[in-house]
PDB file of N, CA and C in Angstrom:
ATOM      1  N   MET A   1      75.560-169.305-182.851  1.00  0.00           N
ATOM      2  CA  MET A   1      74.518-168.984-181.918  1.00  0.00           C
ATOM      3  C   MET A   1      73.178-169.212-182.599  1.00  0.00           C
ATOM      4  N   THR A   2      72.288-169.924-181.844  1.00  0.00           N
ATOM      5  CA  THR A   2      70.981-170.221-182.407  1.00  0.00           C
ATOM      6  C   THR A   2      69.957-169.233-181.894  1.00  0.00           C
ATOM      7  N   THR A   3      68.938-169.003-182.623  1.00  0.00           N
ATOM      8  CA  THR A   3      67.850-168.124-182.193  1.00  0.00           C
ATOM      9  C   THR A   3      66.599-168.951-182.046  1.00  0.00           C
ATOM     10  N   GLY A   4      65.682-168.482-181.180  1.00  0.00           N
ATOM     11  CA  GLY A   4      64.445-169.214-180.982  1.00  0.00           C
ATOM     12  C   GLY A   4      64.498-170.083-179.739  1.00  0.00           C
ATOM     13  N   PRO A   5      63.412-170.754-179.442  1.00  0.00           N
ATOM     14  CA  PRO A   5      63.353-171.577-178.235  1.00  0.00           C
ATOM     15  C   PRO A   5      64.255-172.805-178.339  1.00  0.00           C
ATOM     16  N   HIS A   6      64.774-173.227-177.201  1.00  0.00           N
ATOM     17  CA  HIS A   6      65.578-174.441-177.162  1.00  0.00           C
ATOM     18  C   HIS A   6      65.334-175.148-175.826  1.00  0.00           C
ATOM     19  N   THR A   7      65.648-176.409-175.713  1.00  0.00           N
ATOM     20  CA  THR A   7      65.419-177.188-174.497  1.00  0.00           C
ATOM     21  C   THR A   7      66.535-176.965-173.503  1.00  0.00           C
ATOM     22  N   ALA A   8      66.178-177.051-172.247  1.00  0.00           N
ATOM     23  CA  ALA A   8      67.170-176.875-171.182  1.00  0.00           C
ATOM     24  C   ALA A   8      67.980-178.149-171.031  1.00  0.00           C
ATOM     25  N   GLU A   9      69.235-177.996-170.797  1.00  0.00           N
ATOM     26  CA  GLU A   9      70.129-179.134-170.590  1.00  0.00           C
ATOM     27  C   GLU A   9      70.330-179.338-169.094  1.00  0.00           C
ATOM     28  N   PRO A  10      70.323-180.558-168.579  1.00  0.00           N
ATOM     29  CA  PRO A  10      70.601-180.779-167.162  1.00  0.00           C
ATOM     30  C   PRO A  10      72.054-180.451-166.840  1.00  0.00           C
ATOM     31  N   THR A  11      72.268-179.961-165.636  1.00  0.00           N
ATOM     32  CA  THR A  11      73.622-179.660-165.190  1.00  0.00           C
ATOM     33  C   THR A  11      74.366-180.963-164.980  1.00  0.00           C
ATOM     34  N   PRO A  12      75.615-181.043-165.418  1.00  0.00           N
ATOM     35  CA  PRO A  12      76.364-182.281-165.212  1.00  0.00           C
ATOM     36  C   PRO A  12      76.546-182.579-163.720  1.00  0.00           C
ATOM     37  N   ALA A  13      76.481-183.854-163.348  1.00  0.00           N
ATOM     38  CA  ALA A  13      76.644-184.256-161.954  1.00  0.00           C
ATOM     39  C   ALA A  13      78.073-184.013-161.503  1.00  0.00           C
ATOM     40  N   ARG A  14      78.198-183.552-160.223  1.00  0.00           N
ATOM     41  CA  ARG A  14      79.533-183.330-159.667  1.00  0.00           C
ATOM     42  C   ARG A  14      80.077-184.655-159.148  1.00  0.00           C
ATOM     43  N   SER A  15      81.332-184.863-159.337  1.00  0.00           N
ATOM     44  CA  SER A  15      81.913-186.138-158.932  1.00  0.00           C
ATOM     45  C   SER A  15      82.094-186.250-157.426  1.00  0.00           C
ATOM     46  N   GLU A  16      82.208-185.102-156.708  1.00  0.00           N
ATOM     47  CA  GLU A  16      82.431-185.190-155.266  1.00  0.00           C
ATOM     48  C   GLU A  16      81.152-185.414-154.477  1.00  0.00           C
ATOM     49  N   GLY A  17      79.997-185.396-155.108  1.00  0.00           N
ATOM     50  CA  GLY A  17      78.757-185.764-154.439  1.00  0.00           C
ATOM     51  C   GLY A  17      78.087-184.634-153.684  1.00  0.00           C
ATOM     52  N   GLY A  18      78.481-183.409-153.859  1.00  0.00           N
ATOM     53  CA  GLY A  18      77.817-182.280-153.210  1.00  0.00           C
ATOM     54  C   GLY A  18      78.312-182.073-151.791  1.00  0.00           C
ATOM     55  N   ALA A  19      77.546-181.274-151.052  1.00  0.00           N
ATOM     56  CA  ALA A  19      77.926-180.952-149.674  1.00  0.00           C
ATOM     57  C   ALA A  19      77.788-182.178-148.791  1.00  0.00           C
ATOM     58  N   PRO A  20      78.692-182.341-147.838  1.00  0.00           N
ATOM     59  CA  PRO A  20      78.591-183.492-146.939  1.00  0.00           C
ATOM     60  C   PRO A  20      77.384-183.366-146.027  1.00  0.00           C
ATOM     61  N   LYS A  21      76.734-184.479-145.748  1.00  0.00           N
ATOM     62  CA  LYS A  21      75.587-184.481-144.851  1.00  0.00           C
ATOM     63  C   LYS A  21      76.088-184.671-143.432  1.00  0.00           C
ATOM     64  N   VAL A  22      75.592-183.813-142.552  1.00  0.00           N
ATOM     65  CA  VAL A  22      76.022-183.882-141.161  1.00  0.00           C
ATOM     66  C   VAL A  22      75.134-184.832-140.373  1.00  0.00           C
ATOM     67  N   VAL A  23      73.849-184.797-140.648  1.00  0.00           N
ATOM     68  CA  VAL A  23      72.895-185.606-139.905  1.00  0.00           C
ATOM     69  C   VAL A  23      72.031-186.364-140.904  1.00  0.00           C
ATOM     70  N   ALA A  24      71.695-187.575-140.568  1.00  0.00           N
ATOM     71  CA  ALA A  24      70.834-188.371-141.446  1.00  0.00           C
ATOM     72  C   ALA A  24      69.441-187.753-141.508  1.00  0.00           C
ATOM     73  N   GLU A  25      68.743-187.993-142.583  1.00  0.00           N
ATOM     74  CA  GLU A  25      67.413-187.440-142.756  1.00  0.00           C
ATOM     75  C   GLU A  25      66.473-187.955-141.678  1.00  0.00           C
ATOM     76  N   GLY A  26      65.714-187.024-141.077  1.00  0.00           N
ATOM     77  CA  GLY A  26      64.754-187.397-140.056  1.00  0.00           C
ATOM     78  C   GLY A  26      65.318-187.448-138.646  1.00  0.00           C
ATOM     79  N   VAL A  27      66.602-187.223-138.483  1.00  0.00           N
ATOM     80  CA  VAL A  27      67.219-187.253-137.164  1.00  0.00           C
ATOM     81  C   VAL A  27      67.326-185.825-136.659  1.00  0.00           C
ATOM     82  N   LEU A  28      66.921-185.599-135.414  1.00  0.00           N
ATOM     83  CA  LEU A  28      67.012-184.266-134.841  1.00  0.00           C
ATOM     84  C   LEU A  28      68.464-183.850-134.710  1.00  0.00           C
ATOM     85  N   SER A  29      68.756-182.600-135.049  1.00  0.00           N
ATOM     86  CA  SER A  29      70.143-182.154-135.028  1.00  0.00           C
ATOM     87  C   SER A  29      70.532-181.527-133.698  1.00  0.00           C
ATOM     88  N   SER A  30      69.570-181.299-132.802  1.00  0.00           N
ATOM     89  CA  SER A  30      69.915-180.751-131.494  1.00  0.00           C
ATOM     90  C   SER A  30      69.402-181.689-130.416  1.00  0.00           C
ATOM     91  N   VAL A  31      69.997-181.606-129.264  1.00  0.00           N
ATOM     92  CA  VAL A  31      69.600-182.452-128.158  1.00  0.00           C
ATOM     93  C   VAL A  31      68.380-181.826-127.503  1.00  0.00           C
ATOM     94  N   ARG A  32      67.316-182.581-127.406  1.00  0.00           N
ATOM     95  CA  ARG A  32      66.104-182.092-126.767  1.00  0.00           C
ATOM     96  C   ARG A  32      65.866-182.858-125.477  1.00  0.00           C
ATOM     97  N   ARG A  33      65.206-182.178-124.554  1.00  0.00           N
ATOM     98  CA  ARG A  33      64.866-182.808-123.293  1.00  0.00           C
ATOM     99  C   ARG A  33      63.798-183.862-123.544  1.00  0.00           C
ATOM    100  N   ASP A  34      63.929-185.002-122.908  1.00  0.00           N
ATOM    101  CA  ASP A  34      62.951-186.067-123.041  1.00  0.00           C
ATOM    102  C   ASP A  34      61.649-185.613-122.384  1.00  0.00           C
ATOM    103  N   PRO A  35      60.549-185.506-123.148  1.00  0.00           N
ATOM    104  CA  PRO A  35      59.311-185.007-122.561  1.00  0.00           C
ATOM    105  C   PRO A  35      58.751-185.917-121.482  1.00  0.00           C
ATOM    106  N   ARG A  36      59.168-187.157-121.448  1.00  0.00           N
ATOM    107  CA  ARG A  36      58.696-188.084-120.417  1.00  0.00           C
ATOM    108  C   ARG A  36      59.508-187.973-119.136  1.00  0.00           C
ATOM    109  N   ALA A  37      60.671-187.331-119.194  1.00  0.00           N
ATOM    110  CA  ALA A  37      61.522-187.203-118.008  1.00  0.00           C
ATOM    111  C   ALA A  37      60.925-186.160-117.067  1.00  0.00           C
ATOM    112  N   ASP A  38      60.917-186.429-115.787  1.00  0.00           N
ATOM    113  CA  ASP A  38      60.382-185.515-114.789  1.00  0.00           C
ATOM    114  C   ASP A  38      61.460-185.239-113.761  1.00  0.00           C
ATOM    115  N   ASP A  39      61.938-184.000-113.749  1.00  0.00           N
ATOM    116  CA  ASP A  39      62.982-183.659-112.791  1.00  0.00           C
ATOM    117  C   ASP A  39      62.421-183.002-111.540  1.00  0.00           C
ATOM    118  N   GLY A  40      61.091-182.931-111.423  1.00  0.00           N
ATOM    119  CA  GLY A  40      60.470-182.412-110.217  1.00  0.00           C
ATOM    120  C   GLY A  40      60.215-180.911-110.230  1.00  0.00           C
ATOM    121  N   ARG A  41      60.753-180.199-111.199  1.00  0.00           N
ATOM    122  CA  ARG A  41      60.560-178.746-111.225  1.00  0.00           C
ATOM    123  C   ARG A  41      59.193-178.421-111.814  1.00  0.00           C
ATOM    124  N   ARG A  42      58.543-177.429-111.245  1.00  0.00           N
ATOM    125  CA  ARG A  42      57.255-176.960-111.725  1.00  0.00           C
ATOM    126  C   ARG A  42      57.266-175.432-111.729  1.00  0.00           C
ATOM    127  N   PRO A  43      56.657-174.793-112.730  1.00  0.00           N
ATOM    128  CA  PRO A  43      56.558-173.331-112.685  1.00  0.00           C
ATOM    129  C   PRO A  43      55.562-172.928-111.595  1.00  0.00           C
ATOM    130  N   VAL A  44      55.948-172.004-110.745  1.00  0.00           N
ATOM    131  CA  VAL A  44      55.063-171.567-109.671  1.00  0.00           C
ATOM    132  C   VAL A  44      54.825-170.062-109.682  1.00  0.00           C
ATOM    133  N   ALA A  45      55.640-169.298-110.379  1.00  0.00           N
ATOM    134  CA  ALA A  45      55.453-167.851-110.434  1.00  0.00           C
ATOM    135  C   ALA A  45      55.790-167.354-111.833  1.00  0.00           C
ATOM    136  N   TRP A  46      54.954-166.469-112.345  1.00  0.00           N
ATOM    137  CA  TRP A  46      55.154-165.950-113.692  1.00  0.00           C
ATOM    138  C   TRP A  46      55.097-164.435-113.642  1.00  0.00           C
ATOM    139  N   LEU A  47      55.886-163.807-114.477  1.00  0.00           N
ATOM    140  CA  LEU A  47      55.850-162.359-114.648  1.00  0.00           C
ATOM    141  C   LEU A  47      55.816-162.109-116.144  1.00  0.00           C
ATOM    142  N   HIS A  48      54.724-161.529-116.629  1.00  0.00           N
ATOM    143  CA  HIS A  48      54.571-161.265-118.058  1.00  0.00           C
ATOM    144  C   HIS A  48      54.573-159.755-118.265  1.00  0.00           C
ATOM    145  N   ILE A  49      55.559-159.258-119.008  1.00  0.00           N
ATOM    146  CA  ILE A  49      55.712-157.829-119.250  1.00  0.00           C
ATOM    147  C   ILE A  49      55.501-157.567-120.733  1.00  0.00           C
ATOM    148  N   THR A  50      54.646-156.594-121.050  1.00  0.00           N
ATOM    149  CA  THR A  50      54.444-156.178-122.427  1.00  0.00           C
ATOM    150  C   THR A  50      54.812-154.708-122.525  1.00  0.00           C
ATOM    151  N   ALA A  51      55.835-154.421-123.302  1.00  0.00           N
ATOM    152  CA  ALA A  51      56.279-153.043-123.514  1.00  0.00           C
ATOM    153  C   ALA A  51      56.399-152.833-125.012  1.00  0.00           C
ATOM    154  N   PRO A  52      55.286-152.498-125.681  1.00  0.00           N
ATOM    155  CA  PRO A  52      55.265-152.464-127.137  1.00  0.00           C
ATOM    156  C   PRO A  52      56.112-151.396-127.817  1.00  0.00           C
ATOM    157  N   GLY A  53      56.444-150.310-127.184  1.00  0.00           N
ATOM    158  CA  GLY A  53      57.273-149.297-127.839  1.00  0.00           C
ATOM    159  C   GLY A  53      56.891-147.890-127.418  1.00  0.00           C
ATOM    160  N   ARG A  54      57.453-146.935-128.098  1.00  0.00           N
ATOM    161  CA  ARG A  54      57.213-145.527-127.761  1.00  0.00           C
ATOM    162  C   ARG A  54      55.756-145.145-127.967  1.00  0.00           C
ATOM    163  N   GLY A  55      55.273-144.337-127.037  1.00  0.00           N
ATOM    164  CA  GLY A  55      53.921-143.824-127.162  1.00  0.00           C
ATOM    165  C   GLY A  55      52.832-144.821-126.809  1.00  0.00           C
ATOM    166  N   THR A  56      53.189-145.988-126.292  1.00  0.00           N
ATOM    167  CA  THR A  56      52.190-146.988-125.907  1.00  0.00           C
ATOM    168  C   THR A  56      52.325-147.295-124.423  1.00  0.00           C
ATOM    169  N   THR A  57      51.315-147.882-123.864  1.00  0.00           N
ATOM    170  CA  THR A  57      51.289-148.164-122.432  1.00  0.00           C
ATOM    171  C   THR A  57      51.801-149.566-122.149  1.00  0.00           C
ATOM    172  N   PRO A  58      52.827-149.700-121.293  1.00  0.00           N
ATOM    173  CA  PRO A  58      53.291-151.034-120.914  1.00  0.00           C
ATOM    174  C   PRO A  58      52.304-151.677-119.936  1.00  0.00           C
ATOM    175  N   THR A  59      52.222-153.003-119.978  1.00  0.00           N
ATOM    176  CA  THR A  59      51.389-153.744-119.034  1.00  0.00           C
ATOM    177  C   THR A  59      52.215-154.844-118.395  1.00  0.00           C
ATOM    178  N   VAL A  60      51.848-155.191-117.171  1.00  0.00           N
ATOM    179  CA  VAL A  60      52.550-156.232-116.422  1.00  0.00           C
ATOM    180  C   VAL A  60      51.510-157.087-115.714  1.00  0.00           C
ATOM    181  N   ARG A  61      51.739-158.399-115.719  1.00  0.00           N
ATOM    182  CA  ARG A  61      50.889-159.314-114.969  1.00  0.00           C
ATOM    183  C   ARG A  61      51.780-160.264-114.188  1.00  0.00           C
ATOM    184  N   SER A  62      51.460-160.453-112.926  1.00  0.00           N
ATOM    185  CA  SER A  62      52.230-161.318-112.032  1.00  0.00           C
ATOM    186  C   SER A  62      51.294-162.374-111.464  1.00  0.00           C
ATOM    187  N   TRP A  63      51.652-163.656-111.655  1.00  0.00           N
ATOM    188  CA  TRP A  63      50.874-164.770-111.122  1.00  0.00           C
ATOM    189  C   TRP A  63      51.745-165.587-110.182  1.00  0.00           C
ATOM    190  N   CYS A  64      51.116-166.253-109.245  1.00  0.00           N
ATOM    191  CA  CYS A  64      51.824-167.186-108.366  1.00  0.00           C
ATOM    192  C   CYS A  64      50.896-168.355-108.058  1.00  0.00           C
ATOM    193  N   ALA A  65      51.461-169.501-107.764  1.00  0.00           N
ATOM    194  CA  ALA A  65      50.681-170.690-107.449  1.00  0.00           C
ATOM    195  C   ALA A  65      49.885-170.529-106.160  1.00  0.00           C
ATOM    196  N   CYS A  66      50.254-169.569-105.318  1.00  0.00           N
ATOM    197  CA  CYS A  66      49.532-169.346-104.062  1.00  0.00           C
ATOM    198  C   CYS A  66      48.205-168.636-104.295  1.00  0.00           C
ATOM    199  N   GLY A  67      47.935-168.198-105.528  1.00  0.00           N
ATOM    200  CA  GLY A  67      46.681-167.527-105.835  1.00  0.00           C
ATOM    201  C   GLY A  67      46.845-166.051-106.130  1.00  0.00           C
ATOM    202  N   ARG A  68      48.010-165.545-105.981  1.00  0.00           N
ATOM    203  CA  ARG A  68      48.295-164.128-106.244  1.00  0.00           C
ATOM    204  C   ARG A  68      48.183-163.866-107.741  1.00  0.00           C
ATOM    205  N   ASP A  69      47.456-162.795-108.106  1.00  0.00           N
ATOM    206  CA  ASP A  69      47.282-162.434-109.515  1.00  0.00           C
ATOM    207  C   ASP A  69      47.147-160.917-109.591  1.00  0.00           C
ATOM    208  N   LEU A  70      48.206-160.249-110.015  1.00  0.00           N
ATOM    209  CA  LEU A  70      48.216-158.791-110.101  1.00  0.00           C
ATOM    210  C   LEU A  70      48.385-158.346-111.547  1.00  0.00           C
ATOM    211  N   PHE A  71      47.744-157.233-111.890  1.00  0.00           N
ATOM    212  CA  PHE A  71      47.857-156.655-113.221  1.00  0.00           C
ATOM    213  C   PHE A  71      48.023-155.152-113.065  1.00  0.00           C
ATOM    214  N   ALA A  72      48.864-154.552-113.907  1.00  0.00           N
ATOM    215  CA  ALA A  72      49.037-153.100-113.899  1.00  0.00           C
ATOM    216  C   ALA A  72      49.292-152.611-115.310  1.00  0.00           C
ATOM    217  N   ALA A  73      48.833-151.381-115.577  1.00  0.00           N
ATOM    218  CA  ALA A  73      49.088-150.729-116.854  1.00  0.00           C
ATOM    219  C   ALA A  73      49.654-149.347-116.564  1.00  0.00           C
ATOM    220  N   GLY A  74      50.631-148.947-117.353  1.00  0.00           N
ATOM    221  CA  GLY A  74      51.290-147.656-117.153  1.00  0.00           C
ATOM    222  C   GLY A  74      52.683-147.855-116.601  1.00  0.00           C
ATOM    223  N   HIS A  75      53.555-146.895-116.863  1.00  0.00           N
ATOM    224  CA  HIS A  75      54.966-147.028-116.481  1.00  0.00           C
ATOM    225  C   HIS A  75      55.159-147.191-114.979  1.00  0.00           C
ATOM    226  N   ALA A  76      54.634-146.261-114.186  1.00  0.00           N
ATOM    227  CA  ALA A  76      54.860-146.296-112.736  1.00  0.00           C
ATOM    228  C   ALA A  76      54.239-147.534-112.105  1.00  0.00           C
ATOM    229  N   ARG A  77      53.004-147.849-112.486  1.00  0.00           N
ATOM    230  CA  ARG A  77      52.333-149.019-111.906  1.00  0.00           C
ATOM    231  C   ARG A  77      53.000-150.313-112.333  1.00  0.00           C
ATOM    232  N   ALA A  78      53.463-150.389-113.578  1.00  0.00           N
ATOM    233  CA  ALA A  78      54.157-151.592-114.052  1.00  0.00           C
ATOM    234  C   ALA A  78      55.439-151.820-113.267  1.00  0.00           C
ATOM    235  N   LEU A  79      56.193-150.744-113.043  1.00  0.00           N
ATOM    236  CA  LEU A  79      57.430-150.872-112.262  1.00  0.00           C
ATOM    237  C   LEU A  79      57.129-151.314-110.833  1.00  0.00           C
ATOM    238  N   ALA A  80      56.021-150.824-110.264  1.00  0.00           N
ATOM    239  CA  ALA A  80      55.647-151.218-108.906  1.00  0.00           C
ATOM    240  C   ALA A  80      55.302-152.705-108.843  1.00  0.00           C
ATOM    241  N   VAL A  81      54.590-153.228-109.835  1.00  0.00           N
ATOM    242  CA  VAL A  81      54.237-154.658-109.846  1.00  0.00           C
ATOM    243  C   VAL A  81      55.488-155.510-110.034  1.00  0.00           C
ATOM    244  N   ILE A  82      56.412-155.065-110.867  1.00  0.00           N
ATOM    245  CA  ILE A  82      57.667-155.808-111.060  1.00  0.00           C
ATOM    246  C   ILE A  82      58.439-155.887-109.746  1.00  0.00           C
ATOM    247  N   ALA A  83      58.549-154.764-109.039  1.00  0.00           N
ATOM    248  CA  ALA A  83      59.244-154.755-107.748  1.00  0.00           C
ATOM    249  C   ALA A  83      58.522-155.639-106.741  1.00  0.00           C
ATOM    250  N   ASP A  84      57.181-155.587-106.726  1.00  0.00           N
ATOM    251  CA  ASP A  84      56.404-156.411-105.808  1.00  0.00           C
ATOM    252  C   ASP A  84      56.563-157.898-106.134  1.00  0.00           C
ATOM    253  N   HIS A  85      56.644-158.236-107.419  1.00  0.00           N
ATOM    254  CA  HIS A  85      56.846-159.629-107.828  1.00  0.00           C
ATOM    255  C   HIS A  85      58.190-160.139-107.306  1.00  0.00           C
ATOM    256  N   GLU A  86      59.226-159.321-107.430  1.00  0.00           N
ATOM    257  CA  GLU A  86      60.549-159.717-106.922  1.00  0.00           C
ATOM    258  C   GLU A  86      60.505-159.917-105.411  1.00  0.00           C
ATOM    259  N   ARG A  87      59.834-159.022-104.695  1.00  0.00           N
ATOM    260  CA  ARG A  87      59.712-159.130-103.243  1.00  0.00           C
ATOM    261  C   ARG A  87      58.908-160.378-102.874  1.00  0.00           C
ATOM    262  N   HIS A  88      57.842-160.659-103.612  1.00  0.00           N
ATOM    263  CA  HIS A  88      56.995-161.831-103.342  1.00  0.00           C
ATOM    264  C   HIS A  88      57.777-163.128-103.510  1.00  0.00           C
ATOM    265  N   ARG A  89      58.682-163.148-104.465  1.00  0.00           N
ATOM    266  CA  ARG A  89      59.468-164.369-104.697  1.00  0.00           C
ATOM    267  C   ARG A  89      60.312-164.749-103.493  1.00  0.00           C
ATOM    268  N   THR A  90      60.686-163.791-102.675  1.00  0.00           N
ATOM    269  CA  THR A  90      61.501-164.100-101.490  1.00  0.00           C
ATOM    270  C   THR A  90      60.653-164.495-100.295  1.00  0.00           C
ATOM    271  N   THR A  91      59.355-164.153-100.289  1.00  0.00           N
ATOM    272  CA  THR A  91      58.525-164.419 -99.122  1.00  0.00           C
ATOM    273  C   THR A  91      57.475-165.506 -99.323  1.00  0.00           C
ATOM    274  N   CYS A  92      57.175-165.893-100.534  1.00  0.00           N
ATOM    275  CA  CYS A  92      56.113-166.882-100.790  1.00  0.00           C
ATOM    276  C   CYS A  92      56.622-168.302-100.553  1.00  0.00           C
ATOM    277  N   VAL A  93      55.812-169.094 -99.852  1.00  0.00           N
ATOM    278  CA  VAL A  93      56.205-170.472 -99.555  1.00  0.00           C
ATOM    279  C   VAL A  93      56.127-171.355-100.793  1.00  0.00           C
ATOM    280  N   CYS A  94      55.335-170.973-101.794  1.00  0.00           N
ATOM    281  CA  CYS A  94      55.259-171.748-103.044  1.00  0.00           C
ATOM    282  C   CYS A  94      56.608-171.745-103.760  1.00  0.00           C
ATOM    283  N   ILE A  95      57.267-170.608-103.719  1.00  0.00           N
ATOM    284  CA  ILE A  95      58.527-170.438-104.435  1.00  0.00           C
ATOM    285  C   ILE A  95      59.711-170.785-103.544  1.00  0.00           C
ATOM    286  N   ASN A  96      59.662-170.315-102.307  1.00  0.00           N
ATOM    287  CA  ASN A  96      60.763-170.479-101.373  1.00  0.00           C
ATOM    288  C   ASN A  96      60.238-171.194-100.124  1.00  0.00           C
ATOM    289  N   PRO A  97      60.332-172.524-100.055  1.00  0.00           N
ATOM    290  CA  PRO A  97      59.799-173.260 -98.918  1.00  0.00           C
ATOM    291  C   PRO A  97      60.397-172.867 -97.575  1.00  0.00           C
ATOM    292  N   THR A  98      61.566-172.249 -97.586  1.00  0.00           N
ATOM    293  CA  THR A  98      62.199-171.842 -96.333  1.00  0.00           C
ATOM    294  C   THR A  98      61.876-170.402 -95.981  1.00  0.00           C
ATOM    295  N   ALA A  99      60.867-169.803 -96.634  1.00  0.00           N
ATOM    296  CA  ALA A  99      60.481-168.417 -96.340  1.00  0.00           C
ATOM    297  C   ALA A  99      60.008-168.312 -94.905  1.00  0.00           C
ATOM    298  N   ASN A 100      60.159-167.129 -94.352  1.00  0.00           N
ATOM    299  CA  ASN A 100      59.781-166.851 -92.961  1.00  0.00           C
ATOM    300  C   ASN A 100      58.293-167.133 -92.754  1.00  0.00           C
ATOM    301  N   GLN A 101      57.955-167.929 -91.773  1.00  0.00           N
ATOM    302  CA  GLN A 101      56.572-168.314 -91.492  1.00  0.00           C
ATOM    303  C   GLN A 101      56.034-167.660 -90.241  1.00  0.00           C
ATOM    304  N   GLU A 102      56.562-166.487 -89.859  1.00  0.00           N
ATOM    305  CA  GLU A 102      56.088-165.799 -88.634  1.00  0.00           C
ATOM    306  C   GLU A 102      54.608-165.491 -88.755  1.00  0.00           C
ATOM    307  N   GLY A 103      53.879-165.708 -87.648  1.00  0.00           N
ATOM    308  CA  GLY A 103      52.473-165.380 -87.621  1.00  0.00           C
ATOM    309  C   GLY A 103      51.569-166.457 -88.170  1.00  0.00           C
ATOM    310  N   LYS A 104      52.121-167.519 -88.735  1.00  0.00           N
ATOM    311  CA  LYS A 104      51.284-168.603 -89.269  1.00  0.00           C
ATOM    312  C   LYS A 104      51.212-169.718 -88.247  1.00  0.00           C
ATOM    313  N   ALA A 105      50.057-170.351 -88.163  1.00  0.00           N
ATOM    314  CA  ALA A 105      49.886-171.478 -87.238  1.00  0.00           C
ATOM    315  C   ALA A 105      50.697-172.662 -87.718  1.00  0.00           C
ATOM    316  N   ALA A 106      51.293-173.359 -86.757  1.00  0.00           N
ATOM    317  CA  ALA A 106      52.126-174.509 -87.103  1.00  0.00           C
ATOM    318  C   ALA A 106      51.289-175.698 -87.452  1.00  0.00           C
TER     319      ALA A 106
END
């Protein structure tokens, strides 16, 4: 056994070549949607809920392409906006083109 500083030795190369490569370098490993492809779908209604944890106030915001924009803070009001957002999704023509059109001019 030697004492004092000494140089590091490189690890001997493995004959099997290491772990097998599954994908070539630079090739995406998952299938992604082609950003140029257009399937006709567009977002028309959003519901954003923030519930940070105990002792804090939850907030909810509901948007729709028809111009609807609601915001609420607090447990009871947030739940009311969530329920109203669900109800709006069934009646808004932006989301559901076959929604009931009673009372609207043809």
